[in-house]
Structure formats: C-alpha cells, structure tokens
Amino acid sequence: LLRRHGLYTSHLSKWRAQRKRGTLTSQTTPPAGRPALRRTPEQDDIARLTEEVARLRTQLQQAETIIEIQKKRSSLLGVPSSTLPDGER
C-alpha cells in the first residue's frame, strides 16, 4: 500500500519521530487534477465578442437566405423588386 503511493517505511519512522518531538507540521498538498485556469478581463472580452460574432454571422446568413427567397419569388411572379411594398423587399 505504501509503495503504491510512493511512500516507504522510512517515511513513517521519520514522521513518528517528528510527531514525538512536536515538529511534525501539516503539509498541504495541492489538489489533484489540473489547476483551474484564471481568465483575465481581456480573455473574458474576447470570449464574449467571439460569441457575439458567431451569433451575428448566423443572423446574417438567415437574412441572406430570406433575400434570396424574395428574389426568386419576385422572378417567378414576374414582379420587379422595385414595385414590392417596403415590408417585402
């Protein structure tokens, strides 16, 4: 069990002697796993702006699709786009 955790009986002997002398101190070990990344305000802004750009690109693609459909409808109906009401351009 000790070797599985990288410990040896000599460690136990040393710790027992330190405990007996009162010099054994608690050593905090870092938490297991990858340390949490600290984000800077600039990184937060970059992430927010990247999400906004993605959202706006999606909206642009939708608008372009609507415009293409309106152009096809106009050509099928034989109605020039300049005669369509304002709401249908």
PDB file of N, CA and C in Angstrom:
ATOM      1  N   LEU A   1       0.830  -1.192   0.000  1.00  0.00           N
ATOM      2  CA  LEU A   1       0.000   0.000   0.000  1.00  0.00           C
ATOM      3  C   LEU A   1       0.876   1.258   0.000  1.00  0.00           C
ATOM      4  N   LEU A   2       1.944   1.251   0.807  1.00  0.00           N
ATOM      5  CA  LEU A   2       2.808   2.425   0.875  1.00  0.00           C
ATOM      6  C   LEU A   2       3.477   2.697  -0.460  1.00  0.00           C
ATOM      7  N   ARG A   3       4.035   1.669  -1.059  1.00  0.00           N
ATOM      8  CA  ARG A   3       4.759   1.854  -2.322  1.00  0.00           C
ATOM      9  C   ARG A   3       3.828   2.303  -3.446  1.00  0.00           C
ATOM     10  N   ARG A   4       2.597   1.859  -3.377  1.00  0.00           N
ATOM     11  CA  ARG A   4       1.628   2.295  -4.384  1.00  0.00           C
ATOM     12  C   ARG A   4       1.463   3.812  -4.355  1.00  0.00           C
ATOM     13  N   HIS A   5       1.656   4.398  -3.188  1.00  0.00           N
ATOM     14  CA  HIS A   5       1.537   5.846  -3.038  1.00  0.00           C
ATOM     15  C   HIS A   5       2.897   6.534  -2.981  1.00  0.00           C
ATOM     16  N   GLY A   6       3.949   5.801  -3.282  1.00  0.00           N
ATOM     17  CA  GLY A   6       5.282   6.388  -3.324  1.00  0.00           C
ATOM     18  C   GLY A   6       5.883   6.640  -1.954  1.00  0.00           C
ATOM     19  N   LEU A   7       5.461   5.873  -0.961  1.00  0.00           N
ATOM     20  CA  LEU A   7       5.959   6.031   0.403  1.00  0.00           C
ATOM     21  C   LEU A   7       6.753   4.794   0.809  1.00  0.00           C
ATOM     22  N   TYR A   8       7.608   4.976   1.818  1.00  0.00           N
ATOM     23  CA  TYR A   8       8.427   3.879   2.321  1.00  0.00           C
ATOM     24  C   TYR A   8       8.345   3.863   3.835  1.00  0.00           C
ATOM     25  N   THR A   9       8.747   2.751   4.448  1.00  0.00           N
ATOM     26  CA  THR A   9       8.684   2.637   5.907  1.00  0.00           C
ATOM     27  C   THR A   9       9.573   3.673   6.575  1.00  0.00           C
ATOM     28  N   SER A  10      10.630   4.091   5.889  1.00  0.00           N
ATOM     29  CA  SER A  10      11.500   5.123   6.463  1.00  0.00           C
ATOM     30  C   SER A  10      10.750   6.440   6.638  1.00  0.00           C
ATOM     31  N   HIS A  11       9.806   6.717   5.731  1.00  0.00           N
ATOM     32  CA  HIS A  11       8.980   7.920   5.872  1.00  0.00           C
ATOM     33  C   HIS A  11       8.160   7.845   7.159  1.00  0.00           C
ATOM     34  N   LEU A  12       7.568   6.665   7.408  1.00  0.00           N
ATOM     35  CA  LEU A  12       6.761   6.504   8.615  1.00  0.00           C
ATOM     36  C   LEU A  12       7.606   6.702   9.862  1.00  0.00           C
ATOM     37  N   SER A  13       8.815   6.141   9.848  1.00  0.00           N
ATOM     38  CA  SER A  13       9.708   6.290  11.010  1.00  0.00           C
ATOM     39  C   SER A  13      10.050   7.754  11.242  1.00  0.00           C
ATOM     40  N   LYS A  14      10.337   8.471  10.167  1.00  0.00           N
ATOM     41  CA  LYS A  14      10.683   9.888  10.276  1.00  0.00           C
ATOM     42  C   LYS A  14       9.502  10.693  10.803  1.00  0.00           C
ATOM     43  N   TRP A  15       8.303  10.399  10.299  1.00  0.00           N
ATOM     44  CA  TRP A  15       7.117  11.131  10.733  1.00  0.00           C
ATOM     45  C   TRP A  15       6.799  10.850  12.205  1.00  0.00           C
ATOM     46  N   ARG A  16       6.981   9.590  12.621  1.00  0.00           N
ATOM     47  CA  ARG A  16       6.725   9.255  14.023  1.00  0.00           C
ATOM     48  C   ARG A  16       7.686  10.019  14.939  1.00  0.00           C
ATOM     49  N   ALA A  17       8.959  10.089  14.523  1.00  0.00           N
ATOM     50  CA  ALA A  17       9.951  10.818  15.332  1.00  0.00           C
ATOM     51  C   ALA A  17       9.605  12.309  15.381  1.00  0.00           C
ATOM     52  N   GLN A  18       9.198  12.877  14.262  1.00  0.00           N
ATOM     53  CA  GLN A  18       8.821  14.296  14.244  1.00  0.00           C
ATOM     54  C   GLN A  18       7.588  14.531  15.119  1.00  0.00           C
ATOM     55  N   ARG A  19       6.644  13.625  15.069  1.00  0.00           N
ATOM     56  CA  ARG A  19       5.433  13.771  15.886  1.00  0.00           C
ATOM     57  C   ARG A  19       5.796  13.727  17.376  1.00  0.00           C
ATOM     58  N   LYS A  20       6.704  12.825  17.701  1.00  0.00           N
ATOM     59  CA  LYS A  20       7.131  12.678  19.091  1.00  0.00           C
ATOM     60  C   LYS A  20       7.817  13.952  19.584  1.00  0.00           C
ATOM     61  N   ARG A  21       8.628  14.582  18.727  1.00  0.00           N
ATOM     62  CA  ARG A  21       9.322  15.825  19.084  1.00  0.00           C
ATOM     63  C   ARG A  21       8.393  17.038  19.010  1.00  0.00           C
ATOM     64  N   GLY A  22       7.262  16.889  18.335  1.00  0.00           N
ATOM     65  CA  GLY A  22       6.339  18.001  18.168  1.00  0.00           C
ATOM     66  C   GLY A  22       6.692  18.892  16.992  1.00  0.00           C
ATOM     67  N   THR A  23       7.539  18.405  16.091  1.00  0.00           N
ATOM     68  CA  THR A  23       7.952  19.206  14.933  1.00  0.00           C
ATOM     69  C   THR A  23       7.237  18.801  13.649  1.00  0.00           C
ATOM     70  N   LEU A  24       6.341  17.851  13.773  1.00  0.00           N
ATOM     71  CA  LEU A  24       5.600  17.420  12.582  1.00  0.00           C
ATOM     72  C   LEU A  24       4.566  18.484  12.243  1.00  0.00           C
ATOM     73  N   THR A  25       4.676  19.047  11.063  1.00  0.00           N
ATOM     74  CA  THR A  25       3.730  20.083  10.635  1.00  0.00           C
ATOM     75  C   THR A  25       2.882  19.553   9.504  1.00  0.00           C
ATOM     76  N   SER A  26       1.738  20.096   9.399  1.00  0.00           N
ATOM     77  CA  SER A  26       0.826  19.710   8.324  1.00  0.00           C
ATOM     78  C   SER A  26       1.329  20.291   7.018  1.00  0.00           C
ATOM     79  N   GLN A  27       1.433  19.456   6.031  1.00  0.00           N
ATOM     80  CA  GLN A  27       1.833  19.925   4.705  1.00  0.00           C
ATOM     81  C   GLN A  27       0.627  19.776   3.787  1.00  0.00           C
ATOM     82  N   THR A  28       0.163  20.901   3.309  1.00  0.00           N
ATOM     83  CA  THR A  28      -0.980  20.837   2.408  1.00  0.00           C
ATOM     84  C   THR A  28      -0.486  20.457   1.025  1.00  0.00           C
ATOM     85  N   THR A  29      -1.143  19.501   0.466  1.00  0.00           N
ATOM     86  CA  THR A  29      -0.790  19.083  -0.888  1.00  0.00           C
ATOM     87  C   THR A  29      -1.736  19.771  -1.853  1.00  0.00           C
ATOM     88  N   PRO A  30      -1.241  20.095  -3.013  1.00  0.00           N
ATOM     89  CA  PRO A  30      -2.141  20.731  -3.980  1.00  0.00           C
ATOM     90  C   PRO A  30      -3.237  19.757  -4.380  1.00  0.00           C
ATOM     91  N   PRO A  31      -4.402  20.260  -4.680  1.00  0.00           N
ATOM     92  CA  PRO A  31      -5.499  19.369  -5.071  1.00  0.00           C
ATOM     93  C   PRO A  31      -5.128  18.597  -6.337  1.00  0.00           C
ATOM     94  N   ALA A  32      -5.626  17.379  -6.387  1.00  0.00           N
ATOM     95  CA  ALA A  32      -5.344  16.536  -7.547  1.00  0.00           C
ATOM     96  C   ALA A  32      -6.028  17.099  -8.778  1.00  0.00           C
ATOM     97  N   GLY A  33      -5.442  16.863  -9.900  1.00  0.00           N
ATOM     98  CA  GLY A  33      -6.033  17.305 -11.156  1.00  0.00           C
ATOM     99  C   GLY A  33      -5.374  18.554 -11.685  1.00  0.00           C
ATOM    100  N   ARG A  34      -5.921  19.001 -12.758  1.00  0.00           N
ATOM    101  CA  ARG A  34      -5.382  20.168 -13.444  1.00  0.00           C
ATOM    102  C   ARG A  34      -5.786  21.448 -12.717  1.00  0.00           C
ATOM    103  N   PRO A  35      -4.864  22.381 -12.524  1.00  0.00           N
ATOM    104  CA  PRO A  35      -5.238  23.620 -11.840  1.00  0.00           C
ATOM    105  C   PRO A  35      -6.227  24.436 -12.680  1.00  0.00           C
ATOM    106  N   ALA A  36      -7.090  25.129 -11.987  1.00  0.00           N
ATOM    107  CA  ALA A  36      -8.082  25.953 -12.675  1.00  0.00           C
ATOM    108  C   ALA A  36      -7.381  27.107 -13.383  1.00  0.00           C
ATOM    109  N   LEU A  37      -7.831  27.386 -14.583  1.00  0.00           N
ATOM    110  CA  LEU A  37      -7.254  28.488 -15.348  1.00  0.00           C
ATOM    111  C   LEU A  37      -7.887  29.792 -14.896  1.00  0.00           C
ATOM    112  N   ARG A  38      -7.057  30.776 -14.670  1.00  0.00           N
ATOM    113  CA  ARG A  38      -7.575  32.093 -14.311  1.00  0.00           C
ATOM    114  C   ARG A  38      -7.661  32.920 -15.576  1.00  0.00           C
ATOM    115  N   ARG A  39      -8.854  33.446 -15.816  1.00  0.00           N
ATOM    116  CA  ARG A  39      -9.066  34.237 -17.024  1.00  0.00           C
ATOM    117  C   ARG A  39      -8.909  35.710 -16.703  1.00  0.00           C
ATOM    118  N   THR A  40      -8.260  36.395 -17.616  1.00  0.00           N
ATOM    119  CA  THR A  40      -8.093  37.835 -17.473  1.00  0.00           C
ATOM    120  C   THR A  40      -9.335  38.533 -18.027  1.00  0.00           C
ATOM    121  N   PRO A  41      -9.558  39.780 -17.665  1.00  0.00           N
ATOM    122  CA  PRO A  41     -10.701  40.512 -18.234  1.00  0.00           C
ATOM    123  C   PRO A  41     -10.634  40.566 -19.766  1.00  0.00           C
ATOM    124  N   GLU A  42      -9.425  40.647 -20.306  1.00  0.00           N
ATOM    125  CA  GLU A  42      -9.289  40.678 -21.771  1.00  0.00           C
ATOM    126  C   GLU A  42      -9.762  39.361 -22.378  1.00  0.00           C
ATOM    127  N   GLN A  43      -9.435  38.245 -21.725  1.00  0.00           N
ATOM    128  CA  GLN A  43      -9.877  36.950 -22.233  1.00  0.00           C
ATOM    129  C   GLN A  43     -11.393  36.822 -22.150  1.00  0.00           C
ATOM    130  N   ASP A  44     -11.993  37.381 -21.087  1.00  0.00           N
ATOM    131  CA  ASP A  44     -13.454  37.379 -20.978  1.00  0.00           C
ATOM    132  C   ASP A  44     -14.078  38.187 -22.114  1.00  0.00           C
ATOM    133  N   ASP A  45     -13.479  39.356 -22.419  1.00  0.00           N
ATOM    134  CA  ASP A  45     -13.988  40.187 -23.513  1.00  0.00           C
ATOM    135  C   ASP A  45     -13.866  39.459 -24.845  1.00  0.00           C
ATOM    136  N   ILE A  46     -12.739  38.797 -25.072  1.00  0.00           N
ATOM    137  CA  ILE A  46     -12.526  38.063 -26.316  1.00  0.00           C
ATOM    138  C   ILE A  46     -13.562  36.956 -26.457  1.00  0.00           C
ATOM    139  N   ALA A  47     -13.821  36.220 -25.384  1.00  0.00           N
ATOM    140  CA  ALA A  47     -14.809  35.142 -25.431  1.00  0.00           C
ATOM    141  C   ALA A  47     -16.198  35.703 -25.727  1.00  0.00           C
ATOM    142  N   ARG A  48     -16.558  36.810 -25.068  1.00  0.00           N
ATOM    143  CA  ARG A  48     -17.878  37.417 -25.288  1.00  0.00           C
ATOM    144  C   ARG A  48     -18.019  37.906 -26.726  1.00  0.00           C
ATOM    145  N   LEU A  49     -16.978  38.558 -27.235  1.00  0.00           N
ATOM    146  CA  LEU A  49     -17.034  39.081 -28.599  1.00  0.00           C
ATOM    147  C   LEU A  49     -17.046  37.957 -29.632  1.00  0.00           C
ATOM    148  N   THR A  50     -16.339  36.872 -29.361  1.00  0.00           N
ATOM    149  CA  THR A  50     -16.346  35.728 -30.275  1.00  0.00           C
ATOM    150  C   THR A  50     -17.746  35.131 -30.371  1.00  0.00           C
ATOM    151  N   GLU A  51     -18.416  35.007 -29.226  1.00  0.00           N
ATOM    152  CA  GLU A  51     -19.794  34.502 -29.233  1.00  0.00           C
ATOM    153  C   GLU A  51     -20.712  35.447 -29.993  1.00  0.00           C
ATOM    154  N   GLU A  52     -20.515  36.756 -29.813  1.00  0.00           N
ATOM    155  CA  GLU A  52     -21.350  37.738 -30.499  1.00  0.00           C
ATOM    156  C   GLU A  52     -21.134  37.677 -32.008  1.00  0.00           C
ATOM    157  N   VAL A  53     -19.888  37.514 -32.437  1.00  0.00           N
ATOM    158  CA  VAL A  53     -19.593  37.412 -33.870  1.00  0.00           C
ATOM    159  C   VAL A  53     -20.282  36.174 -34.450  1.00  0.00           C
ATOM    160  N   ALA A  54     -20.228  35.060 -33.735  1.00  0.00           N
ATOM    161  CA  ALA A  54     -20.879  33.837 -34.216  1.00  0.00           C
ATOM    162  C   ALA A  54     -22.386  34.037 -34.346  1.00  0.00           C
ATOM    163  N   ARG A  55     -22.987  34.701 -33.347  1.00  0.00           N
ATOM    164  CA  ARG A  55     -24.431  34.960 -33.389  1.00  0.00           C
ATOM    165  C   ARG A  55     -24.795  35.869 -34.559  1.00  0.00           C
ATOM    166  N   LEU A  56     -23.996  36.919 -34.774  1.00  0.00           N
ATOM    167  CA  LEU A  56     -24.275  37.853 -35.864  1.00  0.00           C
ATOM    168  C   LEU A  56     -24.080  37.196 -37.231  1.00  0.00           C
ATOM    169  N   ARG A  57     -23.106  36.314 -37.341  1.00  0.00           N
ATOM    170  CA  ARG A  57     -22.913  35.597 -38.612  1.00  0.00           C
ATOM    171  C   ARG A  57     -24.115  34.716 -38.931  1.00  0.00           C
ATOM    172  N   THR A  58     -24.676  34.095 -37.900  1.00  0.00           N
ATOM    173  CA  THR A  58     -25.871  33.277 -38.101  1.00  0.00           C
ATOM    174  C   THR A  58     -27.032  34.139 -38.567  1.00  0.00           C
ATOM    175  N   GLN A  59     -27.207  35.299 -37.930  1.00  0.00           N
ATOM    176  CA  GLN A  59     -28.280  36.211 -38.340  1.00  0.00           C
ATOM    177  C   GLN A  59     -28.072  36.692 -39.771  1.00  0.00           C
ATOM    178  N   LEU A  60     -26.838  36.989 -40.140  1.00  0.00           N
ATOM    179  CA  LEU A  60     -26.542  37.439 -41.493  1.00  0.00           C
ATOM    180  C   LEU A  60     -26.884  36.352 -42.501  1.00  0.00           C
ATOM    181  N   GLN A  61     -26.509  35.122 -42.197  1.00  0.00           N
ATOM    182  CA  GLN A  61     -26.819  34.014 -43.105  1.00  0.00           C
ATOM    183  C   GLN A  61     -28.326  33.871 -43.279  1.00  0.00           C
ATOM    184  N   GLN A  62     -29.071  34.003 -42.203  1.00  0.00           N
ATOM    185  CA  GLN A  62     -30.532  33.915 -42.293  1.00  0.00           C
ATOM    186  C   GLN A  62     -31.089  35.045 -43.147  1.00  0.00           C
ATOM    187  N   ALA A  63     -30.576  36.256 -42.965  1.00  0.00           N
ATOM    188  CA  ALA A  63     -31.054  37.401 -43.738  1.00  0.00           C
ATOM    189  C   ALA A  63     -30.744  37.210 -45.223  1.00  0.00           C
ATOM    190  N   GLU A  64     -29.549  36.714 -45.536  1.00  0.00           N
ATOM    191  CA  GLU A  64     -29.191  36.474 -46.939  1.00  0.00           C
ATOM    192  C   GLU A  64     -30.081  35.419 -47.559  1.00  0.00           C
ATOM    193  N   THR A  65     -30.424  34.402 -46.798  1.00  0.00           N
ATOM    194  CA  THR A  65     -31.326  33.358 -47.300  1.00  0.00           C
ATOM    195  C   THR A  65     -32.704  33.938 -47.594  1.00  0.00           C
ATOM    196  N   ILE A  66     -33.202  34.786 -46.702  1.00  0.00           N
ATOM    197  CA  ILE A  66     -34.514  35.420 -46.908  1.00  0.00           C
ATOM    198  C   ILE A  66     -34.490  36.297 -48.157  1.00  0.00           C
ATOM    199  N   ILE A  67     -33.432  37.045 -48.344  1.00  0.00           N
ATOM    200  CA  ILE A  67     -33.312  37.918 -49.518  1.00  0.00           C
ATOM    201  C   ILE A  67     -33.303  37.088 -50.797  1.00  0.00           C
ATOM    202  N   GLU A  68     -32.572  35.980 -50.796  1.00  0.00           N
ATOM    203  CA  GLU A  68     -32.539  35.113 -51.980  1.00  0.00           C
ATOM    204  C   GLU A  68     -33.927  34.559 -52.287  1.00  0.00           C
ATOM    205  N   ILE A  69     -34.656  34.152 -51.253  1.00  0.00           N
ATOM    206  CA  ILE A  69     -36.011  33.626 -51.464  1.00  0.00           C
ATOM    207  C   ILE A  69     -36.915  34.710 -52.037  1.00  0.00           C
ATOM    208  N   GLN A  70     -36.795  35.938 -51.523  1.00  0.00           N
ATOM    209  CA  GLN A  70     -37.617  37.032 -52.025  1.00  0.00           C
ATOM    210  C   GLN A  70     -37.282  37.337 -53.488  1.00  0.00           C
ATOM    211  N   LYS A  71     -36.013  37.267 -53.855  1.00  0.00           N
ATOM    212  CA  LYS A  71     -35.618  37.497 -55.248  1.00  0.00           C
ATOM    213  C   LYS A  71     -36.208  36.425 -56.156  1.00  0.00           C
ATOM    214  N   LYS A  72     -36.161  35.168 -55.732  1.00  0.00           N
ATOM    215  CA  LYS A  72     -36.711  34.078 -56.531  1.00  0.00           C
ATOM    216  C   LYS A  72     -38.222  34.215 -56.664  1.00  0.00           C
ATOM    217  N   ARG A  73     -38.883  34.617 -55.583  1.00  0.00           N
ATOM    218  CA  ARG A  73     -40.325  34.806 -55.631  1.00  0.00           C
ATOM    219  C   ARG A  73     -40.680  35.911 -56.616  1.00  0.00           C
ATOM    220  N   SER A  74     -39.905  36.996 -56.581  1.00  0.00           N
ATOM    221  CA  SER A  74     -40.165  38.109 -57.486  1.00  0.00           C
ATOM    222  C   SER A  74     -39.993  37.679 -58.930  1.00  0.00           C
ATOM    223  N   SER A  75     -38.938  36.906 -59.204  1.00  0.00           N
ATOM    224  CA  SER A  75     -38.706  36.497 -60.589  1.00  0.00           C
ATOM    225  C   SER A  75     -39.755  35.498 -61.045  1.00  0.00           C
ATOM    226  N   LEU A  76     -40.242  34.636 -60.168  1.00  0.00           N
ATOM    227  CA  LEU A  76     -41.279  33.671 -60.550  1.00  0.00           C
ATOM    228  C   LEU A  76     -42.615  34.365 -60.805  1.00  0.00           C
ATOM    229  N   LEU A  77     -42.918  35.381 -60.023  1.00  0.00           N
ATOM    230  CA  LEU A  77     -44.175  36.098 -60.186  1.00  0.00           C
ATOM    231  C   LEU A  77     -44.088  37.183 -61.249  1.00  0.00           C
ATOM    232  N   GLY A  78     -42.878  37.435 -61.710  1.00  0.00           N
ATOM    233  CA  GLY A  78     -42.695  38.460 -62.727  1.00  0.00           C
ATOM    234  C   GLY A  78     -42.864  39.864 -62.186  1.00  0.00           C
ATOM    235  N   VAL A  79     -42.646  40.039 -60.885  1.00  0.00           N
ATOM    236  CA  VAL A  79     -42.790  41.343 -60.261  1.00  0.00           C
ATOM    237  C   VAL A  79     -41.390  41.906 -60.029  1.00  0.00           C
ATOM    238  N   PRO A  80     -41.090  43.076 -60.593  1.00  0.00           N
ATOM    239  CA  PRO A  80     -39.784  43.658 -60.313  1.00  0.00           C
ATOM    240  C   PRO A  80     -39.663  44.005 -58.823  1.00  0.00           C
ATOM    241  N   SER A  81     -38.493  43.834 -58.276  1.00  0.00           N
ATOM    242  CA  SER A  81     -38.320  44.042 -56.835  1.00  0.00           C
ATOM    243  C   SER A  81     -38.584  45.482 -56.425  1.00  0.00           C
ATOM    244  N   SER A  82     -38.455  46.441 -57.359  1.00  0.00           N
ATOM    245  CA  SER A  82     -38.686  47.836 -57.007  1.00  0.00           C
ATOM    246  C   SER A  82     -40.161  48.130 -56.787  1.00  0.00           C
ATOM    247  N   THR A  83     -41.094  47.278 -57.246  1.00  0.00           N
ATOM    248  CA  THR A  83     -42.525  47.521 -57.059  1.00  0.00           C
ATOM    249  C   THR A  83     -43.080  46.823 -55.828  1.00  0.00           C
ATOM    250  N   LEU A  84     -42.234  46.067 -55.110  1.00  0.00           N
ATOM    251  CA  LEU A  84     -42.714  45.410 -53.914  1.00  0.00           C
ATOM    252  C   LEU A  84     -42.901  46.414 -52.799  1.00  0.00           C
ATOM    253  N   PRO A  85     -43.895  46.206 -51.919  1.00  0.00           N
ATOM    254  CA  PRO A  85     -44.070  47.093 -50.771  1.00  0.00           C
ATOM    255  C   PRO A  85     -42.815  47.050 -49.888  1.00  0.00           C
ATOM    256  N   ASP A  86     -42.646  48.074 -49.044  1.00  0.00           N
ATOM    257  CA  ASP A  86     -41.464  48.179 -48.209  1.00  0.00           C
ATOM    258  C   ASP A  86     -41.244  46.953 -47.326  1.00  0.00           C
ATOM    259  N   GLY A  87     -42.279  46.377 -46.816  1.00  0.00           N
ATOM    260  CA  GLY A  87     -42.139  45.233 -45.919  1.00  0.00           C
ATOM    261  C   GLY A  87     -41.701  43.963 -46.621  1.00  0.00           C
ATOM    262  N   GLU A  88     -41.750  43.930 -47.964  1.00  0.00           N
ATOM    263  CA  GLU A  88     -41.458  42.695 -48.690  1.00  0.00           C
ATOM    264  C   GLU A  88     -40.177  42.781 -49.498  1.00  0.00           C
ATOM    265  N   ARG A  89     -39.337  43.717 -49.268  1.00  0.00           N
ATOM    266  CA  ARG A  89     -38.091  43.823 -50.028  1.00  0.00           C
ATOM    267  C   ARG A  89     -37.059  42.897 -49.488  1.00  0.00           C
TER     268      ARG A  89
END
